[in-house]
Amino acid sequence: MKLSEMNTDQMAKCMCELVEPAAEIMADEAVLKAVAGFANTKDRSFLQMISSAATALVPLLLKTHYTALVTVLSAMTGKSVAVIRKQKGLQTIKDVRECLDQDLIDFFKSSAPTEKTE
C-alpha cells in the first residue's frame, strides 16, 4: 500500500517500522554515493537514470541491505517478512511497484544525511 493510501493509524505504524531499516540503508556510504550519482540528471534521460539505478544501486541494496529492504516491504504491504521471503520473486517486484510512490521516496530522502558530518 502506498503511504498516500494509508489512514493515520496505518501510516503511524508503518513509519515506525520504516525508521530502523531506512536508517540502516541511509547510513551506508556506498548507498549515499550511488544515490548522489543520480543527482546530476540534467544531461541524462529517464532511461539512462533507470539504467544507472539498476546497475549501481539495486545490486548494492540487495547484497548489503536485503533484510532491511524486506522489512520495508513488509511494513508497506502488511505481509510478514517470512511471507515476502517465500513468495515468488515476480510477486515481490509487483509489491514493490504497488508501494513505490513519491511519498515513500521523500521519506527515505529525509532519512539521509545531506552531507558527511564529523
N, C-alpha and C. Protein backbone atom coordinates (compact mmCIF):
# COMPACT_ATOMS: atom_id res chain seq x y z
N MET A 1 0.85 -1.17 0.00
CA MET A 1 0.00 0.00 0.00
C MET A 1 0.90 1.23 0.00
N LYS A 2 0.53 2.22 -0.77
CA LYS A 2 1.28 3.47 -0.80
C LYS A 2 1.02 4.27 0.47
N LEU A 3 2.01 5.04 0.91
CA LEU A 3 1.81 5.88 2.09
C LEU A 3 0.61 6.80 1.90
N SER A 4 0.43 7.30 0.68
CA SER A 4 -0.68 8.22 0.40
C SER A 4 -2.04 7.55 0.52
N GLU A 5 -2.09 6.22 0.51
CA GLU A 5 -3.35 5.48 0.61
C GLU A 5 -3.67 5.06 2.04
N MET A 6 -2.73 5.23 2.95
CA MET A 6 -2.90 4.76 4.33
C MET A 6 -3.67 5.77 5.16
N ASN A 7 -4.47 5.24 6.10
CA ASN A 7 -5.08 6.14 7.06
C ASN A 7 -4.03 6.48 8.12
N THR A 8 -4.36 7.34 9.04
CA THR A 8 -3.39 7.81 10.02
C THR A 8 -2.84 6.68 10.88
N ASP A 9 -3.69 5.78 11.33
CA ASP A 9 -3.22 4.65 12.14
C ASP A 9 -2.26 3.76 11.36
N GLN A 10 -2.61 3.44 10.12
CA GLN A 10 -1.75 2.60 9.30
C GLN A 10 -0.41 3.29 9.04
N MET A 11 -0.46 4.59 8.73
CA MET A 11 0.76 5.32 8.44
C MET A 11 1.66 5.42 9.67
N ALA A 12 1.09 5.65 10.82
CA ALA A 12 1.89 5.74 12.05
C ALA A 12 2.63 4.44 12.30
N LYS A 13 1.92 3.32 12.17
CA LYS A 13 2.55 2.02 12.38
C LYS A 13 3.63 1.78 11.34
N CYS A 14 3.33 2.06 10.10
CA CYS A 14 4.27 1.85 9.00
C CYS A 14 5.53 2.71 9.18
N MET A 15 5.36 3.98 9.50
CA MET A 15 6.51 4.88 9.66
C MET A 15 7.42 4.39 10.79
N CYS A 16 6.83 3.92 11.87
CA CYS A 16 7.65 3.38 12.97
C CYS A 16 8.46 2.18 12.51
N GLU A 17 7.85 1.34 11.68
CA GLU A 17 8.55 0.16 11.19
C GLU A 17 9.59 0.51 10.12
N LEU A 18 9.44 1.64 9.45
CA LEU A 18 10.37 2.05 8.40
C LEU A 18 11.64 2.71 8.93
N VAL A 19 11.57 3.31 10.09
CA VAL A 19 12.68 4.13 10.59
C VAL A 19 13.99 3.35 10.67
N GLU A 20 13.97 2.21 11.32
CA GLU A 20 15.23 1.46 11.52
C GLU A 20 15.84 0.97 10.20
N PRO A 21 15.07 0.30 9.32
CA PRO A 21 15.70 -0.14 8.08
C PRO A 21 16.12 1.03 7.19
N ALA A 22 15.35 2.12 7.20
CA ALA A 22 15.73 3.29 6.41
C ALA A 22 17.04 3.88 6.93
N ALA A 23 17.18 3.95 8.24
CA ALA A 23 18.42 4.48 8.83
C ALA A 23 19.61 3.59 8.46
N GLU A 24 19.40 2.27 8.49
CA GLU A 24 20.49 1.35 8.10
C GLU A 24 20.95 1.60 6.67
N ILE A 25 19.98 1.68 5.78
CA ILE A 25 20.30 1.87 4.37
C ILE A 25 20.99 3.22 4.15
N MET A 26 20.45 4.26 4.74
CA MET A 26 20.97 5.60 4.51
C MET A 26 22.28 5.89 5.26
N ALA A 27 22.66 5.03 6.17
CA ALA A 27 23.94 5.19 6.85
C ALA A 27 25.08 4.59 6.03
N ASP A 28 24.77 3.88 4.99
CA ASP A 28 25.77 3.21 4.16
C ASP A 28 26.37 4.22 3.17
N GLU A 29 27.66 4.48 3.31
CA GLU A 29 28.35 5.44 2.43
C GLU A 29 28.24 5.05 0.96
N ALA A 30 28.29 3.76 0.65
CA ALA A 30 28.20 3.32 -0.74
C ALA A 30 26.82 3.63 -1.32
N VAL A 31 25.77 3.48 -0.52
CA VAL A 31 24.42 3.81 -0.97
C VAL A 31 24.31 5.31 -1.22
N LEU A 32 24.81 6.10 -0.27
CA LEU A 32 24.75 7.56 -0.43
C LEU A 32 25.50 8.01 -1.68
N LYS A 33 26.63 7.39 -1.93
CA LYS A 33 27.42 7.74 -3.12
C LYS A 33 26.66 7.39 -4.39
N ALA A 34 26.03 6.22 -4.40
CA ALA A 34 25.25 5.81 -5.58
C ALA A 34 24.06 6.73 -5.80
N VAL A 35 23.38 7.09 -4.72
CA VAL A 35 22.23 7.99 -4.84
C VAL A 35 22.68 9.38 -5.30
N ALA A 36 23.81 9.85 -4.79
CA ALA A 36 24.33 11.17 -5.18
C ALA A 36 24.64 11.20 -6.68
N GLY A 37 24.99 10.06 -7.23
CA GLY A 37 25.25 9.99 -8.66
C GLY A 37 24.03 10.27 -9.51
N PHE A 38 22.86 10.09 -8.94
CA PHE A 38 21.62 10.36 -9.67
C PHE A 38 21.23 11.84 -9.59
N ALA A 39 21.90 12.59 -8.73
CA ALA A 39 21.53 13.99 -8.51
C ALA A 39 21.73 14.83 -9.77
N ASN A 40 22.76 14.55 -10.52
CA ASN A 40 23.02 15.31 -11.74
C ASN A 40 22.26 14.68 -12.90
N THR A 41 21.01 15.05 -13.02
CA THR A 41 20.14 14.43 -14.04
C THR A 41 19.87 15.34 -15.22
N LYS A 42 20.46 16.52 -15.25
CA LYS A 42 20.17 17.47 -16.32
C LYS A 42 20.54 16.92 -17.69
N ASP A 43 21.65 16.20 -17.76
CA ASP A 43 22.12 15.72 -19.05
C ASP A 43 21.80 14.26 -19.30
N ARG A 44 20.92 13.69 -18.49
CA ARG A 44 20.62 12.27 -18.61
C ARG A 44 19.13 12.06 -18.87
N SER A 45 18.86 11.11 -19.74
CA SER A 45 17.46 10.76 -20.00
C SER A 45 16.93 9.90 -18.85
N PHE A 46 15.63 9.77 -18.80
CA PHE A 46 15.00 8.93 -17.78
C PHE A 46 15.51 7.50 -17.88
N LEU A 47 15.62 6.98 -19.10
CA LEU A 47 16.11 5.61 -19.28
C LEU A 47 17.55 5.46 -18.81
N GLN A 48 18.38 6.47 -19.01
CA GLN A 48 19.75 6.42 -18.51
C GLN A 48 19.78 6.40 -16.99
N MET A 49 18.89 7.15 -16.36
CA MET A 49 18.82 7.16 -14.89
C MET A 49 18.38 5.80 -14.37
N ILE A 50 17.37 5.20 -15.00
CA ILE A 50 16.89 3.88 -14.60
C ILE A 50 18.00 2.85 -14.77
N SER A 51 18.72 2.93 -15.87
CA SER A 51 19.82 2.00 -16.11
C SER A 51 20.90 2.16 -15.05
N SER A 52 21.21 3.39 -14.67
CA SER A 52 22.21 3.63 -13.63
C SER A 52 21.74 3.05 -12.30
N ALA A 53 20.47 3.24 -12.00
CA ALA A 53 19.92 2.70 -10.74
C ALA A 53 20.01 1.18 -10.74
N ALA A 54 19.65 0.58 -11.84
CA ALA A 54 19.66 -0.87 -11.92
C ALA A 54 21.07 -1.43 -11.80
N THR A 55 22.04 -0.77 -12.40
CA THR A 55 23.38 -1.31 -12.39
C THR A 55 24.17 -0.94 -11.15
N ALA A 56 23.85 0.15 -10.50
CA ALA A 56 24.63 0.58 -9.34
C ALA A 56 23.93 0.33 -8.02
N LEU A 57 22.72 0.78 -7.91
CA LEU A 57 22.04 0.78 -6.63
C LEU A 57 21.36 -0.55 -6.29
N VAL A 58 20.67 -1.13 -7.23
CA VAL A 58 19.91 -2.35 -6.94
C VAL A 58 20.81 -3.48 -6.43
N PRO A 59 21.90 -3.82 -7.14
CA PRO A 59 22.75 -4.89 -6.60
C PRO A 59 23.33 -4.55 -5.22
N LEU A 60 23.71 -3.31 -5.03
CA LEU A 60 24.25 -2.89 -3.74
C LEU A 60 23.22 -3.09 -2.63
N LEU A 61 22.00 -2.65 -2.87
CA LEU A 61 20.95 -2.81 -1.87
C LEU A 61 20.62 -4.27 -1.60
N LEU A 62 20.52 -5.05 -2.65
CA LEU A 62 20.16 -6.46 -2.46
C LEU A 62 21.27 -7.25 -1.78
N LYS A 63 22.51 -6.93 -2.06
CA LYS A 63 23.62 -7.66 -1.45
C LYS A 63 23.87 -7.25 0.00
N THR A 64 23.72 -5.97 0.29
CA THR A 64 24.12 -5.49 1.63
C THR A 64 22.96 -5.13 2.54
N HIS A 65 21.78 -4.92 1.99
CA HIS A 65 20.65 -4.47 2.81
C HIS A 65 19.37 -5.24 2.51
N TYR A 66 19.52 -6.50 2.14
CA TYR A 66 18.37 -7.32 1.78
C TYR A 66 17.34 -7.39 2.91
N THR A 67 17.80 -7.66 4.13
CA THR A 67 16.87 -7.77 5.26
C THR A 67 16.15 -6.45 5.50
N ALA A 68 16.86 -5.34 5.39
CA ALA A 68 16.22 -4.02 5.57
C ALA A 68 15.17 -3.79 4.48
N LEU A 69 15.49 -4.16 3.25
CA LEU A 69 14.53 -3.98 2.15
C LEU A 69 13.28 -4.82 2.37
N VAL A 70 13.46 -6.06 2.80
CA VAL A 70 12.31 -6.93 3.06
C VAL A 70 11.49 -6.38 4.22
N THR A 71 12.15 -5.83 5.22
CA THR A 71 11.44 -5.22 6.35
C THR A 71 10.62 -4.02 5.90
N VAL A 72 11.18 -3.20 5.02
CA VAL A 72 10.44 -2.05 4.47
C VAL A 72 9.22 -2.55 3.70
N LEU A 73 9.41 -3.54 2.85
CA LEU A 73 8.29 -4.06 2.06
C LEU A 73 7.23 -4.68 2.97
N SER A 74 7.66 -5.34 4.03
CA SER A 74 6.72 -5.90 5.00
C SER A 74 5.87 -4.80 5.63
N ALA A 75 6.52 -3.71 6.02
CA ALA A 75 5.79 -2.59 6.62
C ALA A 75 4.80 -1.98 5.64
N MET A 76 5.19 -1.91 4.38
CA MET A 76 4.35 -1.27 3.38
C MET A 76 3.18 -2.16 2.94
N THR A 77 3.38 -3.47 2.94
CA THR A 77 2.34 -4.36 2.42
C THR A 77 1.48 -4.99 3.51
N GLY A 78 2.01 -5.02 4.73
CA GLY A 78 1.30 -5.72 5.80
C GLY A 78 1.56 -7.22 5.79
N LYS A 79 2.36 -7.67 4.83
CA LYS A 79 2.75 -9.09 4.78
C LYS A 79 3.90 -9.30 5.76
N SER A 80 4.03 -10.49 6.30
CA SER A 80 5.16 -10.77 7.18
C SER A 80 6.44 -10.89 6.36
N VAL A 81 7.57 -10.69 7.02
CA VAL A 81 8.86 -10.86 6.37
C VAL A 81 8.98 -12.28 5.82
N ALA A 82 8.52 -13.27 6.59
CA ALA A 82 8.60 -14.67 6.15
C ALA A 82 7.81 -14.89 4.86
N VAL A 83 6.63 -14.30 4.77
CA VAL A 83 5.81 -14.46 3.56
C VAL A 83 6.52 -13.84 2.37
N ILE A 84 7.07 -12.65 2.54
CA ILE A 84 7.76 -11.98 1.43
C ILE A 84 8.96 -12.81 0.97
N ARG A 85 9.73 -13.33 1.92
CA ARG A 85 10.92 -14.12 1.57
C ARG A 85 10.55 -15.38 0.79
N LYS A 86 9.39 -15.95 1.04
CA LYS A 86 8.99 -17.21 0.41
C LYS A 86 8.17 -17.04 -0.87
N GLN A 87 7.59 -15.86 -1.07
CA GLN A 87 6.75 -15.68 -2.25
C GLN A 87 7.61 -15.63 -3.52
N LYS A 88 6.97 -15.80 -4.64
CA LYS A 88 7.67 -15.75 -5.92
C LYS A 88 8.25 -14.35 -6.13
N GLY A 89 9.42 -14.32 -6.76
CA GLY A 89 10.13 -13.06 -6.98
C GLY A 89 9.31 -12.03 -7.75
N LEU A 90 8.58 -12.50 -8.74
CA LEU A 90 7.77 -11.56 -9.52
C LEU A 90 6.66 -10.94 -8.68
N GLN A 91 6.14 -11.67 -7.69
CA GLN A 91 5.16 -11.08 -6.78
C GLN A 91 5.81 -10.00 -5.94
N THR A 92 7.04 -10.23 -5.53
CA THR A 92 7.76 -9.22 -4.74
C THR A 92 7.97 -7.96 -5.56
N ILE A 93 8.35 -8.13 -6.82
CA ILE A 93 8.52 -6.96 -7.70
C ILE A 93 7.19 -6.22 -7.84
N LYS A 94 6.12 -6.96 -8.00
CA LYS A 94 4.78 -6.34 -8.09
C LYS A 94 4.46 -5.57 -6.81
N ASP A 95 4.76 -6.17 -5.65
CA ASP A 95 4.52 -5.49 -4.37
C ASP A 95 5.32 -4.20 -4.28
N VAL A 96 6.57 -4.24 -4.71
CA VAL A 96 7.41 -3.03 -4.67
C VAL A 96 6.78 -1.95 -5.54
N ARG A 97 6.40 -2.31 -6.74
CA ARG A 97 5.79 -1.32 -7.66
C ARG A 97 4.52 -0.72 -7.08
N GLU A 98 3.72 -1.55 -6.39
CA GLU A 98 2.47 -1.06 -5.83
C GLU A 98 2.70 -0.13 -4.63
N CYS A 99 3.83 -0.25 -3.97
CA CYS A 99 4.11 0.55 -2.78
C CYS A 99 4.92 1.81 -3.09
N LEU A 100 5.63 1.78 -4.19
CA LEU A 100 6.56 2.86 -4.50
C LEU A 100 5.80 4.09 -4.99
N ASP A 101 5.99 5.17 -4.28
CA ASP A 101 5.44 6.45 -4.72
C ASP A 101 6.33 7.56 -4.19
N GLN A 102 6.04 8.77 -4.58
CA GLN A 102 6.88 9.90 -4.20
C GLN A 102 6.94 10.09 -2.69
N ASP A 103 5.87 9.78 -1.99
CA ASP A 103 5.87 9.92 -0.53
C ASP A 103 6.90 9.01 0.11
N LEU A 104 7.01 7.77 -0.37
CA LEU A 104 8.00 6.84 0.17
C LEU A 104 9.41 7.30 -0.18
N ILE A 105 9.61 7.75 -1.41
CA ILE A 105 10.92 8.27 -1.82
C ILE A 105 11.30 9.46 -0.96
N ASP A 106 10.36 10.36 -0.73
CA ASP A 106 10.62 11.53 0.12
C ASP A 106 10.96 11.12 1.55
N PHE A 107 10.30 10.07 2.06
CA PHE A 107 10.60 9.58 3.41
C PHE A 107 12.06 9.14 3.48
N PHE A 108 12.50 8.37 2.49
CA PHE A 108 13.88 7.90 2.50
C PHE A 108 14.85 9.06 2.29
N LYS A 109 14.51 10.01 1.44
CA LYS A 109 15.38 11.17 1.25
C LYS A 109 15.54 11.94 2.55
N SER A 110 14.46 12.09 3.29
CA SER A 110 14.53 12.84 4.55
C SER A 110 15.31 12.10 5.61
N SER A 111 15.49 10.78 5.43
CA SER A 111 16.26 9.98 6.38
C SER A 111 17.75 10.04 6.10
N ALA A 112 18.10 10.50 4.92
CA ALA A 112 19.51 10.51 4.52
C ALA A 112 20.17 11.82 4.91
N PRO A 113 21.40 11.76 5.40
CA PRO A 113 22.13 13.00 5.66
C PRO A 113 22.46 13.66 4.35
N THR A 114 22.47 14.99 4.34
CA THR A 114 22.78 15.71 3.11
C THR A 114 24.27 15.83 2.85
N GLU A 115 25.04 15.78 3.91
CA GLU A 115 26.49 15.78 3.75
C GLU A 115 27.11 15.10 4.95
N LYS A 116 28.34 14.65 4.77
CA LYS A 116 29.02 13.93 5.83
C LYS A 116 29.32 14.90 6.99
N THR A 117 29.02 14.43 8.20
CA THR A 117 29.30 15.23 9.38
C THR A 117 30.45 14.60 10.14
N GLU A 118 31.19 15.41 10.82
CA GLU A 118 32.33 14.93 11.62
C GLU A 118 31.88 14.56 13.00
